[in-house]
PDB file of N, CA and C in Angstrom:
ATOM      1  N   MET A   1     -69.305  21.708   2.248  1.00  0.00           N
ATOM      2  CA  MET A   1     -70.415  20.948   1.701  1.00  0.00           C
ATOM      3  C   MET A   1     -70.002  19.491   1.550  1.00  0.00           C
ATOM      4  N   PRO A   2     -70.855  18.586   1.952  1.00  0.00           N
ATOM      5  CA  PRO A   2     -70.566  17.159   1.784  1.00  0.00           C
ATOM      6  C   PRO A   2     -70.616  16.744   0.316  1.00  0.00           C
ATOM      7  N   ARG A   3     -69.975  15.631   0.044  1.00  0.00           N
ATOM      8  CA  ARG A   3     -69.939  15.088  -1.312  1.00  0.00           C
ATOM      9  C   ARG A   3     -70.966  13.962  -1.423  1.00  0.00           C
ATOM     10  N   TYR A   4     -71.728  13.986  -2.521  1.00  0.00           N
ATOM     11  CA  TYR A   4     -72.775  12.994  -2.751  1.00  0.00           C
ATOM     12  C   TYR A   4     -72.623  12.380  -4.137  1.00  0.00           C
ATOM     13  N   GLU A   5     -73.306  11.255  -4.305  1.00  0.00           N
ATOM     14  CA  GLU A   5     -73.369  10.604  -5.603  1.00  0.00           C
ATOM     15  C   GLU A   5     -74.838  10.296  -5.887  1.00  0.00           C
ATOM     16  N   LEU A   6     -75.314  10.743  -7.044  1.00  0.00           N
ATOM     17  CA  LEU A   6     -76.683  10.485  -7.465  1.00  0.00           C
ATOM     18  C   LEU A   6     -76.666   9.322  -8.440  1.00  0.00           C
ATOM     19  N   ALA A   7     -77.234   8.194  -8.017  1.00  0.00           N
ATOM     20  CA  ALA A   7     -77.391   7.036  -8.899  1.00  0.00           C
ATOM     21  C   ALA A   7     -78.759   7.181  -9.554  1.00  0.00           C
ATOM     22  N   LEU A   8     -78.756   7.242 -10.869  1.00  0.00           N
ATOM     23  CA  LEU A   8     -79.957   7.587 -11.602  1.00  0.00           C
ATOM     24  C   LEU A   8     -80.241   6.526 -12.652  1.00  0.00           C
ATOM     25  N   ILE A   9     -81.467   6.029 -12.686  1.00  0.00           N
ATOM     26  CA  ILE A   9     -81.909   5.137 -13.747  1.00  0.00           C
ATOM     27  C   ILE A   9     -82.963   5.887 -14.548  1.00  0.00           C
ATOM     28  N   LEU A  10     -82.664   6.108 -15.817  1.00  0.00           N
ATOM     29  CA  LEU A  10     -83.612   6.758 -16.721  1.00  0.00           C
ATOM     30  C   LEU A  10     -84.292   5.695 -17.572  1.00  0.00           C
ATOM     31  N   LYS A  11     -85.508   5.976 -18.015  1.00  0.00           N
ATOM     32  CA  LYS A  11     -86.187   5.017 -18.876  1.00  0.00           C
ATOM     33  C   LYS A  11     -85.447   4.935 -20.213  1.00  0.00           C
ATOM     34  N   ALA A  12     -85.608   3.828 -20.907  1.00  0.00           N
ATOM     35  CA  ALA A  12     -84.927   3.612 -22.182  1.00  0.00           C
ATOM     36  C   ALA A  12     -85.498   4.573 -23.222  1.00  0.00           C
ATOM     37  N   MET A  13     -84.616   5.448 -23.737  1.00  0.00           N
ATOM     38  CA  MET A  13     -85.022   6.456 -24.726  1.00  0.00           C
ATOM     39  C   MET A  13     -83.911   6.591 -25.754  1.00  0.00           C
ATOM     40  N   GLN A  14     -84.189   7.352 -26.820  1.00  0.00           N
ATOM     41  CA  GLN A  14     -83.160   7.671 -27.802  1.00  0.00           C
ATOM     42  C   GLN A  14     -82.169   8.655 -27.179  1.00  0.00           C
ATOM     43  N   ARG A  15     -81.002   8.783 -27.801  1.00  0.00           N
ATOM     44  CA  ARG A  15     -79.927   9.615 -27.257  1.00  0.00           C
ATOM     45  C   ARG A  15     -80.332  11.074 -26.994  1.00  0.00           C
ATOM     46  N   PRO A  16     -81.030  11.769 -27.907  1.00  0.00           N
ATOM     47  CA  PRO A  16     -81.387  13.169 -27.628  1.00  0.00           C
ATOM     48  C   PRO A  16     -82.295  13.333 -26.409  1.00  0.00           C
ATOM     49  N   GLU A  17     -83.246  12.423 -26.240  1.00  0.00           N
ATOM     50  CA  GLU A  17     -84.146  12.499 -25.087  1.00  0.00           C
ATOM     51  C   GLU A  17     -83.393  12.192 -23.790  1.00  0.00           C
ATOM     52  N   THR A  18     -82.471  11.236 -23.840  1.00  0.00           N
ATOM     53  CA  THR A  18     -81.663  10.922 -22.662  1.00  0.00           C
ATOM     54  C   THR A  18     -80.790  12.109 -22.284  1.00  0.00           C
ATOM     55  N   ALA A  19     -80.171  12.742 -23.273  1.00  0.00           N
ATOM     56  CA  ALA A  19     -79.332  13.915 -23.014  1.00  0.00           C
ATOM     57  C   ALA A  19     -80.153  15.049 -22.415  1.00  0.00           C
ATOM     58  N   ALA A  20     -81.377  15.245 -22.901  1.00  0.00           N
ATOM     59  CA  ALA A  20     -82.236  16.298 -22.365  1.00  0.00           C
ATOM     60  C   ALA A  20     -82.609  16.020 -20.906  1.00  0.00           C
ATOM     61  N   ALA A  21     -82.885  14.760 -20.574  1.00  0.00           N
ATOM     62  CA  ALA A  21     -83.219  14.400 -19.194  1.00  0.00           C
ATOM     63  C   ALA A  21     -82.014  14.615 -18.277  1.00  0.00           C
ATOM     64  N   LEU A  22     -80.833  14.248 -18.735  1.00  0.00           N
ATOM     65  CA  LEU A  22     -79.625  14.473 -17.935  1.00  0.00           C
ATOM     66  C   LEU A  22     -79.357  15.965 -17.763  1.00  0.00           C
ATOM     67  N   ARG A  23     -79.534  16.725 -18.818  1.00  0.00           N
ATOM     68  CA  ARG A  23     -79.327  18.178 -18.743  1.00  0.00           C
ATOM     69  C   ARG A  23     -80.283  18.797 -17.727  1.00  0.00           C
ATOM     70  N   ARG A  24     -81.549  18.364 -17.735  1.00  0.00           N
ATOM     71  CA  ARG A  24     -82.519  18.862 -16.751  1.00  0.00           C
ATOM     72  C   ARG A  24     -82.083  18.553 -15.329  1.00  0.00           C
ATOM     73  N   THR A  25     -81.587  17.341 -15.127  1.00  0.00           N
ATOM     74  CA  THR A  25     -81.170  16.925 -13.800  1.00  0.00           C
ATOM     75  C   THR A  25     -79.972  17.740 -13.318  1.00  0.00           C
ATOM     76  N   VAL A  26     -78.966  17.906 -14.167  1.00  0.00           N
ATOM     77  CA  VAL A  26     -77.781  18.670 -13.779  1.00  0.00           C
ATOM     78  C   VAL A  26     -78.142  20.134 -13.552  1.00  0.00           C
ATOM     79  N   GLU A  27     -78.989  20.700 -14.394  1.00  0.00           N
ATOM     80  CA  GLU A  27     -79.419  22.087 -14.202  1.00  0.00           C
ATOM     81  C   GLU A  27     -80.165  22.251 -12.887  1.00  0.00           C
ATOM     82  N   THR A  28     -80.981  21.270 -12.515  1.00  0.00           N
ATOM     83  CA  THR A  28     -81.686  21.312 -11.238  1.00  0.00           C
ATOM     84  C   THR A  28     -80.701  21.325 -10.082  1.00  0.00           C
ATOM     85  N   LEU A  29     -79.670  20.488 -10.169  1.00  0.00           N
ATOM     86  CA  LEU A  29     -78.645  20.462  -9.128  1.00  0.00           C
ATOM     87  C   LEU A  29     -77.964  21.823  -8.999  1.00  0.00           C
ATOM     88  N   VAL A  30     -77.557  22.392 -10.121  1.00  0.00           N
ATOM     89  CA  VAL A  30     -76.838  23.667 -10.108  1.00  0.00           C
ATOM     90  C   VAL A  30     -77.744  24.795  -9.606  1.00  0.00           C
ATOM     91  N   GLU A  31     -79.007  24.806 -10.016  1.00  0.00           N
ATOM     92  CA  GLU A  31     -79.946  25.829  -9.556  1.00  0.00           C
ATOM     93  C   GLU A  31     -80.127  25.795  -8.050  1.00  0.00           C
ATOM     94  N   ARG A  32     -80.002  24.625  -7.458  1.00  0.00           N
ATOM     95  CA  ARG A  32     -80.177  24.488  -6.013  1.00  0.00           C
ATOM     96  C   ARG A  32     -78.875  24.693  -5.241  1.00  0.00           C
ATOM     97  N   GLY A  33     -77.802  25.039  -5.943  1.00  0.00           N
ATOM     98  CA  GLY A  33     -76.556  25.376  -5.266  1.00  0.00           C
ATOM     99  C   GLY A  33     -75.526  24.269  -5.218  1.00  0.00           C
ATOM    100  N   ALA A  34     -75.731  23.191  -5.920  1.00  0.00           N
ATOM    101  CA  ALA A  34     -74.771  22.083  -5.924  1.00  0.00           C
ATOM    102  C   ALA A  34     -73.639  22.379  -6.906  1.00  0.00           C
ATOM    103  N   VAL A  35     -72.505  21.751  -6.651  1.00  0.00           N
ATOM    104  CA  VAL A  35     -71.355  21.833  -7.555  1.00  0.00           C
ATOM    105  C   VAL A  35     -71.154  20.428  -8.129  1.00  0.00           C
ATOM    106  N   VAL A  36     -71.406  20.278  -9.427  1.00  0.00           N
ATOM    107  CA  VAL A  36     -71.305  18.966 -10.072  1.00  0.00           C
ATOM    108  C   VAL A  36     -69.854  18.712 -10.448  1.00  0.00           C
ATOM    109  N   ARG A  37     -69.308  17.573  -9.988  1.00  0.00           N
ATOM    110  CA  ARG A  37     -67.920  17.205 -10.258  1.00  0.00           C
ATOM    111  C   ARG A  37     -67.783  16.293 -11.460  1.00  0.00           C
ATOM    112  N   GLY A  38     -68.761  15.434 -11.688  1.00  0.00           N
ATOM    113  CA  GLY A  38     -68.628  14.490 -12.783  1.00  0.00           C
ATOM    114  C   GLY A  38     -69.923  13.762 -13.086  1.00  0.00           C
ATOM    115  N   LEU A  39     -69.951  13.213 -14.287  1.00  0.00           N
ATOM    116  CA  LEU A  39     -71.093  12.438 -14.755  1.00  0.00           C
ATOM    117  C   LEU A  39     -70.542  11.190 -15.427  1.00  0.00           C
ATOM    118  N   GLU A  40     -71.042  10.048 -15.008  1.00  0.00           N
ATOM    119  CA  GLU A  40     -70.555   8.780 -15.564  1.00  0.00           C
ATOM    120  C   GLU A  40     -71.725   7.997 -16.136  1.00  0.00           C
ATOM    121  N   ASN A  41     -71.587   7.576 -17.382  1.00  0.00           N
ATOM    122  CA  ASN A  41     -72.594   6.774 -18.054  1.00  0.00           C
ATOM    123  C   ASN A  41     -72.232   5.304 -17.849  1.00  0.00           C
ATOM    124  N   LEU A  42     -73.115   4.564 -17.219  1.00  0.00           N
ATOM    125  CA  LEU A  42     -72.880   3.137 -16.980  1.00  0.00           C
ATOM    126  C   LEU A  42     -73.563   2.263 -18.022  1.00  0.00           C
ATOM    127  N   GLY A  43     -74.252   2.901 -18.975  1.00  0.00           N
ATOM    128  CA  GLY A  43     -74.850   2.158 -20.076  1.00  0.00           C
ATOM    129  C   GLY A  43     -76.301   1.780 -19.846  1.00  0.00           C
ATOM    130  N   GLU A  44     -76.892   1.243 -20.903  1.00  0.00           N
ATOM    131  CA  GLU A  44     -78.275   0.780 -20.831  1.00  0.00           C
ATOM    132  C   GLU A  44     -78.262  -0.726 -20.625  1.00  0.00           C
ATOM    133  N   ARG A  45     -79.142  -1.182 -19.761  1.00  0.00           N
ATOM    134  CA  ARG A  45     -79.210  -2.624 -19.477  1.00  0.00           C
ATOM    135  C   ARG A  45     -80.590  -3.004 -18.970  1.00  0.00           C
ATOM    136  N   LEU A  46     -80.804  -4.282 -18.851  1.00  0.00           N
ATOM    137  CA  LEU A  46     -82.059  -4.771 -18.288  1.00  0.00           C
ATOM    138  C   LEU A  46     -82.119  -4.405 -16.815  1.00  0.00           C
ATOM    139  N   LEU A  47     -83.300  -4.019 -16.356  1.00  0.00           N
ATOM    140  CA  LEU A  47     -83.487  -3.741 -14.935  1.00  0.00           C
ATOM    141  C   LEU A  47     -83.543  -5.069 -14.176  1.00  0.00           C
ATOM    142  N   PRO A  48     -83.177  -5.071 -12.907  1.00  0.00           N
ATOM    143  CA  PRO A  48     -83.203  -6.333 -12.157  1.00  0.00           C
ATOM    144  C   PRO A  48     -84.603  -6.926 -12.024  1.00  0.00           C
ATOM    145  N   TYR A  49     -85.612  -6.065 -12.100  1.00  0.00           N
ATOM    146  CA  TYR A  49     -86.997  -6.504 -12.116  1.00  0.00           C
ATOM    147  C   TYR A  49     -87.817  -5.417 -12.803  1.00  0.00           C
ATOM    148  N   LYS A  50     -89.009  -5.751 -13.248  1.00  0.00           N
ATOM    149  CA  LYS A  50     -89.847  -4.768 -13.930  1.00  0.00           C
ATOM    150  C   LYS A  50     -90.311  -3.719 -12.925  1.00  0.00           C
ATOM    151  N   MET A  51     -90.183  -2.446 -13.322  1.00  0.00           N
ATOM    152  CA  MET A  51     -90.539  -1.341 -12.433  1.00  0.00           C
ATOM    153  C   MET A  51     -91.678  -0.535 -13.042  1.00  0.00           C
ATOM    154  N   ASN A  52     -92.623  -0.151 -12.219  1.00  0.00           N
ATOM    155  CA  ASN A  52     -93.725   0.708 -12.647  1.00  0.00           C
ATOM    156  C   ASN A  52     -93.445   2.121 -12.163  1.00  0.00           C
ATOM    157  N   LYS A  53     -93.513   3.073 -13.085  1.00  0.00           N
ATOM    158  CA  LYS A  53     -93.307   4.474 -12.725  1.00  0.00           C
ATOM    159  C   LYS A  53     -94.121   5.330 -13.676  1.00  0.00           C
ATOM    160  N   HIS A  54     -94.928   6.239 -13.145  1.00  0.00           N
ATOM    161  CA  HIS A  54     -95.766   7.140 -13.935  1.00  0.00           C
ATOM    162  C   HIS A  54     -96.659   6.363 -14.915  1.00  0.00           C
ATOM    163  N   ASN A  55     -97.275   5.312 -14.408  1.00  0.00           N
ATOM    164  CA  ASN A  55     -98.206   4.476 -15.184  1.00  0.00           C
ATOM    165  C   ASN A  55     -97.560   3.822 -16.399  1.00  0.00           C
ATOM    166  N   GLN A  56     -96.278   3.575 -16.336  1.00  0.00           N
ATOM    167  CA  GLN A  56     -95.564   2.845 -17.384  1.00  0.00           C
ATOM    168  C   GLN A  56     -94.796   1.703 -16.737  1.00  0.00           C
ATOM    169  N   ARG A  57     -94.634   0.635 -17.487  1.00  0.00           N
ATOM    170  CA  ARG A  57     -93.878  -0.524 -16.994  1.00  0.00           C
ATOM    171  C   ARG A  57     -92.540  -0.534 -17.708  1.00  0.00           C
ATOM    172  N   HIS A  58     -91.449  -0.572 -16.947  1.00  0.00           N
ATOM    173  CA  HIS A  58     -90.100  -0.486 -17.508  1.00  0.00           C
ATOM    174  C   HIS A  58     -89.339  -1.789 -17.262  1.00  0.00           C
ATOM    175  N   SER A  59     -88.676  -2.277 -18.308  1.00  0.00           N
ATOM    176  CA  SER A  59     -87.835  -3.473 -18.164  1.00  0.00           C
ATOM    177  C   SER A  59     -86.380  -3.164 -18.526  1.00  0.00           C
ATOM    178  N   ARG A  60     -86.123  -2.011 -19.179  1.00  0.00           N
ATOM    179  CA  ARG A  60     -84.767  -1.565 -19.519  1.00  0.00           C
ATOM    180  C   ARG A  60     -84.579  -0.153 -18.990  1.00  0.00           C
ATOM    181  N   GLY A  61     -83.319   0.182 -18.691  1.00  0.00           N
ATOM    182  CA  GLY A  61     -83.037   1.523 -18.207  1.00  0.00           C
ATOM    183  C   GLY A  61     -81.605   1.920 -18.482  1.00  0.00           C
ATOM    184  N   ALA A  62     -81.362   3.220 -18.511  1.00  0.00           N
ATOM    185  CA  ALA A  62     -80.020   3.774 -18.691  1.00  0.00           C
ATOM    186  C   ALA A  62     -79.518   4.212 -17.321  1.00  0.00           C
ATOM    187  N   TYR A  63     -78.334   3.725 -16.943  1.00  0.00           N
ATOM    188  CA  TYR A  63     -77.766   3.973 -15.623  1.00  0.00           C
ATOM    189  C   TYR A  63     -76.730   5.091 -15.697  1.00  0.00           C
ATOM    190  N   PHE A  64     -76.808   6.043 -14.748  1.00  0.00           N
ATOM    191  CA  PHE A  64     -75.868   7.154 -14.676  1.00  0.00           C
ATOM    192  C   PHE A  64     -75.489   7.414 -13.229  1.00  0.00           C
ATOM    193  N   LEU A  65     -74.260   7.909 -13.023  1.00  0.00           N
ATOM    194  CA  LEU A  65     -73.802   8.369 -11.716  1.00  0.00           C
ATOM    195  C   LEU A  65     -73.403   9.830 -11.850  1.00  0.00           C
ATOM    196  N   ILE A  66     -73.906  10.673 -10.964  1.00  0.00           N
ATOM    197  CA  ILE A  66     -73.557  12.091 -10.945  1.00  0.00           C
ATOM    198  C   ILE A  66     -72.899  12.372  -9.599  1.00  0.00           C
ATOM    199  N   ASP A  67     -71.665  12.834  -9.649  1.00  0.00           N
ATOM    200  CA  ASP A  67     -70.870  13.147  -8.464  1.00  0.00           C
ATOM    201  C   ASP A  67     -70.992  14.649  -8.206  1.00  0.00           C
ATOM    202  N   PHE A  68     -71.398  15.046  -6.978  1.00  0.00           N
ATOM    203  CA  PHE A  68     -71.599  16.467  -6.711  1.00  0.00           C
ATOM    204  C   PHE A  68     -71.410  16.796  -5.236  1.00  0.00           C
ATOM    205  N   TYR A  69     -71.145  18.083  -4.978  1.00  0.00           N
ATOM    206  CA  TYR A  69     -71.109  18.636  -3.629  1.00  0.00           C
ATOM    207  C   TYR A  69     -72.385  19.447  -3.446  1.00  0.00           C
ATOM    208  N   ALA A  70     -73.015  19.340  -2.264  1.00  0.00           N
ATOM    209  CA  ALA A  70     -74.237  20.100  -2.013  1.00  0.00           C
ATOM    210  C   ALA A  70     -74.495  20.189  -0.517  1.00  0.00           C
ATOM    211  N   ALA A  71     -75.279  21.187  -0.154  1.00  0.00           N
ATOM    212  CA  ALA A  71     -75.735  21.299   1.224  1.00  0.00           C
ATOM    213  C   ALA A  71     -76.786  20.214   1.471  1.00  0.00           C
ATOM    214  N   PRO A  72     -76.764  19.599   2.646  1.00  0.00           N
ATOM    215  CA  PRO A  72     -77.744  18.540   2.926  1.00  0.00           C
ATOM    216  C   PRO A  72     -79.195  19.009   2.838  1.00  0.00           C
ATOM    217  N   SER A  73     -79.434  20.296   3.015  1.00  0.00           N
ATOM    218  CA  SER A  73     -80.804  20.808   3.024  1.00  0.00           C
ATOM    219  C   SER A  73     -81.484  20.730   1.662  1.00  0.00           C
ATOM    220  N   ILE A  74     -80.745  20.611   0.566  1.00  0.00           N
ATOM    221  CA  ILE A  74     -81.373  20.578  -0.761  1.00  0.00           C
ATOM    222  C   ILE A  74     -81.804  19.181  -1.180  1.00  0.00           C
ATOM    223  N   LEU A  75     -81.385  18.161  -0.457  1.00  0.00           N
ATOM    224  CA  LEU A  75     -81.620  16.783  -0.909  1.00  0.00           C
ATOM    225  C   LEU A  75     -83.096  16.410  -0.952  1.00  0.00           C
ATOM    226  N   THR A  76     -83.873  16.847   0.024  1.00  0.00           N
ATOM    227  CA  THR A  76     -85.295  16.500   0.046  1.00  0.00           C
ATOM    228  C   THR A  76     -86.014  17.084  -1.165  1.00  0.00           C
ATOM    229  N   GLY A  77     -85.775  18.365  -1.447  1.00  0.00           N
ATOM    230  CA  GLY A  77     -86.393  18.993  -2.611  1.00  0.00           C
ATOM    231  C   GLY A  77     -85.921  18.383  -3.913  1.00  0.00           C
ATOM    232  N   LEU A  78     -84.639  18.022  -3.963  1.00  0.00           N
ATOM    233  CA  LEU A  78     -84.089  17.381  -5.169  1.00  0.00           C
ATOM    234  C   LEU A  78     -84.765  16.040  -5.421  1.00  0.00           C
ATOM    235  N   MET A  79     -84.906  15.234  -4.398  1.00  0.00           N
ATOM    236  CA  MET A  79     -85.538  13.924  -4.570  1.00  0.00           C
ATOM    237  C   MET A  79     -87.012  14.065  -4.962  1.00  0.00           C
ATOM    238  N   ASN A  80     -87.712  15.042  -4.392  1.00  0.00           N
ATOM    239  CA  ASN A  80     -89.105  15.286  -4.793  1.00  0.00           C
ATOM    240  C   ASN A  80     -89.177  15.647  -6.272  1.00  0.00           C
ATOM    241  N   HIS A  81     -88.267  16.491  -6.719  1.00  0.00           N
ATOM    242  CA  HIS A  81     -88.229  16.879  -8.132  1.00  0.00           C
ATOM    243  C   HIS A  81     -87.952  15.666  -9.032  1.00  0.00           C
ATOM    244  N   LEU A  82     -86.994  14.834  -8.648  1.00  0.00           N
ATOM    245  CA  LEU A  82     -86.637  13.675  -9.466  1.00  0.00           C
ATOM    246  C   LEU A  82     -87.757  12.637  -9.500  1.00  0.00           C
ATOM    247  N   HIS A  83     -88.471  12.471  -8.408  1.00  0.00           N
ATOM    248  CA  HIS A  83     -89.584  11.510  -8.396  1.00  0.00           C
ATOM    249  C   HIS A  83     -90.732  11.972  -9.295  1.00  0.00           C
ATOM    250  N   ARG A  84     -90.851  13.281  -9.521  1.00  0.00           N
ATOM    251  CA  ARG A  84     -91.904  13.801 -10.408  1.00  0.00           C
ATOM    252  C   ARG A  84     -91.495  13.787 -11.873  1.00  0.00           C
ATOM    253  N   ASP A  85     -90.204  13.679 -12.166  1.00  0.00           N
ATOM    254  CA  ASP A  85     -89.726  13.675 -13.556  1.00  0.00           C
ATOM    255  C   ASP A  85     -90.163  12.369 -14.230  1.00  0.00           C
ATOM    256  N   VAL A  86     -90.862  12.474 -15.357  1.00  0.00           N
ATOM    257  CA  VAL A  86     -91.425  11.289 -16.019  1.00  0.00           C
ATOM    258  C   VAL A  86     -90.353  10.413 -16.660  1.00  0.00           C
ATOM    259  N   ASP A  87     -89.152  10.939 -16.890  1.00  0.00           N
ATOM    260  CA  ASP A  87     -88.091  10.148 -17.512  1.00  0.00           C
ATOM    261  C   ASP A  87     -87.242   9.400 -16.495  1.00  0.00           C
ATOM    262  N   VAL A  88     -87.363   9.731 -15.219  1.00  0.00           N
ATOM    263  CA  VAL A  88     -86.565   9.088 -14.171  1.00  0.00           C
ATOM    264  C   VAL A  88     -87.330   7.896 -13.620  1.00  0.00           C
ATOM    265  N   VAL A  89     -86.712   6.721 -13.708  1.00  0.00           N
ATOM    266  CA  VAL A  89     -87.324   5.510 -13.173  1.00  0.00           C
ATOM    267  C   VAL A  89     -86.962   5.343 -11.696  1.00  0.00           C
ATOM    268  N   ARG A  90     -85.691   5.567 -11.350  1.00  0.00           N
ATOM    269  CA  ARG A  90     -85.260   5.378  -9.966  1.00  0.00           C
ATOM    270  C   ARG A  90     -84.086   6.295  -9.636  1.00  0.00           C
ATOM    271  N   PRO A  91     -84.265   7.277  -8.729  1.00  0.00           N
ATOM    272  CA  PRO A  91     -83.137   8.067  -8.257  1.00  0.00           C
ATOM    273  C   PRO A  91     -82.721   7.609  -6.858  1.00  0.00           C
ATOM    274  N   ALA A  92     -81.439   7.726  -6.567  1.00  0.00           N
ATOM    275  CA  ALA A  92     -80.936   7.427  -5.224  1.00  0.00           C
ATOM    276  C   ALA A  92     -79.711   8.303  -4.967  1.00  0.00           C
ATOM    277  N   VAL A  93     -79.697   8.967  -3.809  1.00  0.00           N
ATOM    278  CA  VAL A  93     -78.564   9.806  -3.436  1.00  0.00           C
ATOM    279  C   VAL A  93     -77.799   9.099  -2.332  1.00  0.00           C
ATOM    280  N   LEU A  94     -76.496   8.978  -2.525  1.00  0.00           N
ATOM    281  CA  LEU A  94     -75.622   8.336  -1.553  1.00  0.00           C
ATOM    282  C   LEU A  94     -74.558   9.331  -1.110  1.00  0.00           C
ATOM    283  N   LYS A  95     -74.282   9.383   0.179  1.00  0.00           N
ATOM    284  CA  LYS A  95     -73.227  10.256   0.668  1.00  0.00           C
ATOM    285  C   LYS A  95     -71.896   9.526   0.521  1.00  0.00           C
ATOM    286  N   LYS A  96     -70.930  10.220  -0.079  1.00  0.00           N
ATOM    287  CA  LYS A  96     -69.610   9.617  -0.277  1.00  0.00           C
ATOM    288  C   LYS A  96     -68.764   9.888   0.960  1.00  0.00           C
ATOM    289  N   ASP A  97     -68.027   8.892   1.385  1.00  0.00           N
ATOM    290  CA  ASP A  97     -67.170   9.032   2.560  1.00  0.00           C
ATOM    291  C   ASP A  97     -65.954   9.871   2.240  1.00  0.00           C
ATOM    292  N   THR A  98     -65.472  10.578   3.241  1.00  0.00           N
ATOM    293  CA  THR A  98     -64.209  11.286   3.085  1.00  0.00           C
ATOM    294  C   THR A  98     -63.087  10.301   3.381  1.00  0.00           C
ATOM    295  N   PRO A  99     -62.000  10.340   2.629  1.00  0.00           N
ATOM    296  CA  PRO A  99     -60.912   9.392   2.864  1.00  0.00           C
ATOM    297  C   PRO A  99     -60.263   9.634   4.222  1.00  0.00           C
ATOM    298  N   SER A 100     -59.949   8.533   4.912  1.00  0.00           N
ATOM    299  CA  SER A 100     -59.301   8.647   6.220  1.00  0.00           C
ATOM    300  C   SER A 100     -57.820   8.946   6.033  1.00  0.00           C
ATOM    301  N   PRO A 101     -57.213   9.692   6.979  1.00  0.00           N
ATOM    302  CA  PRO A 101     -55.792  10.015   6.845  1.00  0.00           C
ATOM    303  C   PRO A 101     -54.941   8.768   6.961  1.00  0.00           C
ATOM    304  N   ARG A 102     -53.921   8.703   6.132  1.00  0.00           N
ATOM    305  CA  ARG A 102     -53.026   7.541   6.125  1.00  0.00           C
ATOM    306  C   ARG A 102     -52.007   7.645   7.254  1.00  0.00           C
ATOM    307  N   GLY A 103     -51.450   6.541   7.628  1.00  0.00           N
ATOM    308  CA  GLY A 103     -50.354   6.528   8.583  1.00  0.00           C
ATOM    309  C   GLY A 103     -50.775   5.988   9.932  1.00  0.00           C
ATOM    310  N   SER A 104     -51.843   6.498  10.511  1.00  0.00           N
ATOM    311  CA  SER A 104     -52.220   6.031  11.830  1.00  0.00           C
ATOM    312  C   SER A 104     -53.436   5.123  11.709  1.00  0.00           C
ATOM    313  N   CYS A 105     -53.291   3.936  12.217  1.00  0.00           N
ATOM    314  CA  CYS A 105     -54.360   2.951  12.184  1.00  0.00           C
ATOM    315  C   CYS A 105     -54.709   2.556  13.606  1.00  0.00           C
ATOM    316  N   CYS A 106     -55.950   2.675  13.947  1.00  0.00           N
ATOM    317  CA  CYS A 106     -56.475   2.216  15.233  1.00  0.00           C
ATOM    318  C   CYS A 106     -55.822   2.922  16.420  1.00  0.00           C
ATOM    319  N   GLY A 107     -55.173   4.041  16.203  1.00  0.00           N
ATOM    320  CA  GLY A 107     -54.570   4.794  17.289  1.00  0.00           C
ATOM    321  C   GLY A 107     -53.314   4.177  17.869  1.00  0.00           C
ATOM    322  N   LEU A 108     -52.729   3.211  17.195  1.00  0.00           N
ATOM    323  CA  LEU A 108     -51.512   2.576  17.698  1.00  0.00           C
ATOM    324  C   LEU A 108     -50.291   3.396  17.341  1.00  0.00           C
ATOM    325  N   GLN A 109     -49.374   3.531  18.256  1.00  0.00           N
ATOM    326  CA  GLN A 109     -48.120   4.221  18.011  1.00  0.00           C
ATOM    327  C   GLN A 109     -47.128   3.238  17.399  1.00  0.00           C
ATOM    328  N   GLN A 110     -46.361   3.728  16.443  1.00  0.00           N
ATOM    329  CA  GLN A 110     -45.354   2.848  15.813  1.00  0.00           C
ATOM    330  C   GLN A 110     -43.982   3.391  16.028  1.00  0.00           C
TER     331      GLN A 110
END
């Protein structure tokens, strides 16, 4: 399974509501067969521009990164689910590169 990173912006909420939204997201990943490796809180900050989502205007958001392994086939359904979640302002899934083997560069013999 490839390794992915979910960059997630949640709307500005109190801690219990934020924790519940994160729990829903991680449970969704696990239900679809993903293996979650880590969760990183990047803090709450001003958004780069005002965003409209679910008939609300957002100027602040809480940023999170979720590191996980998953089959590529679940990503479309996952993104559809996240776009429907009223607490998620912006989700983005990025594929993480596998590290290249050390020692040989550009195929040159040493």
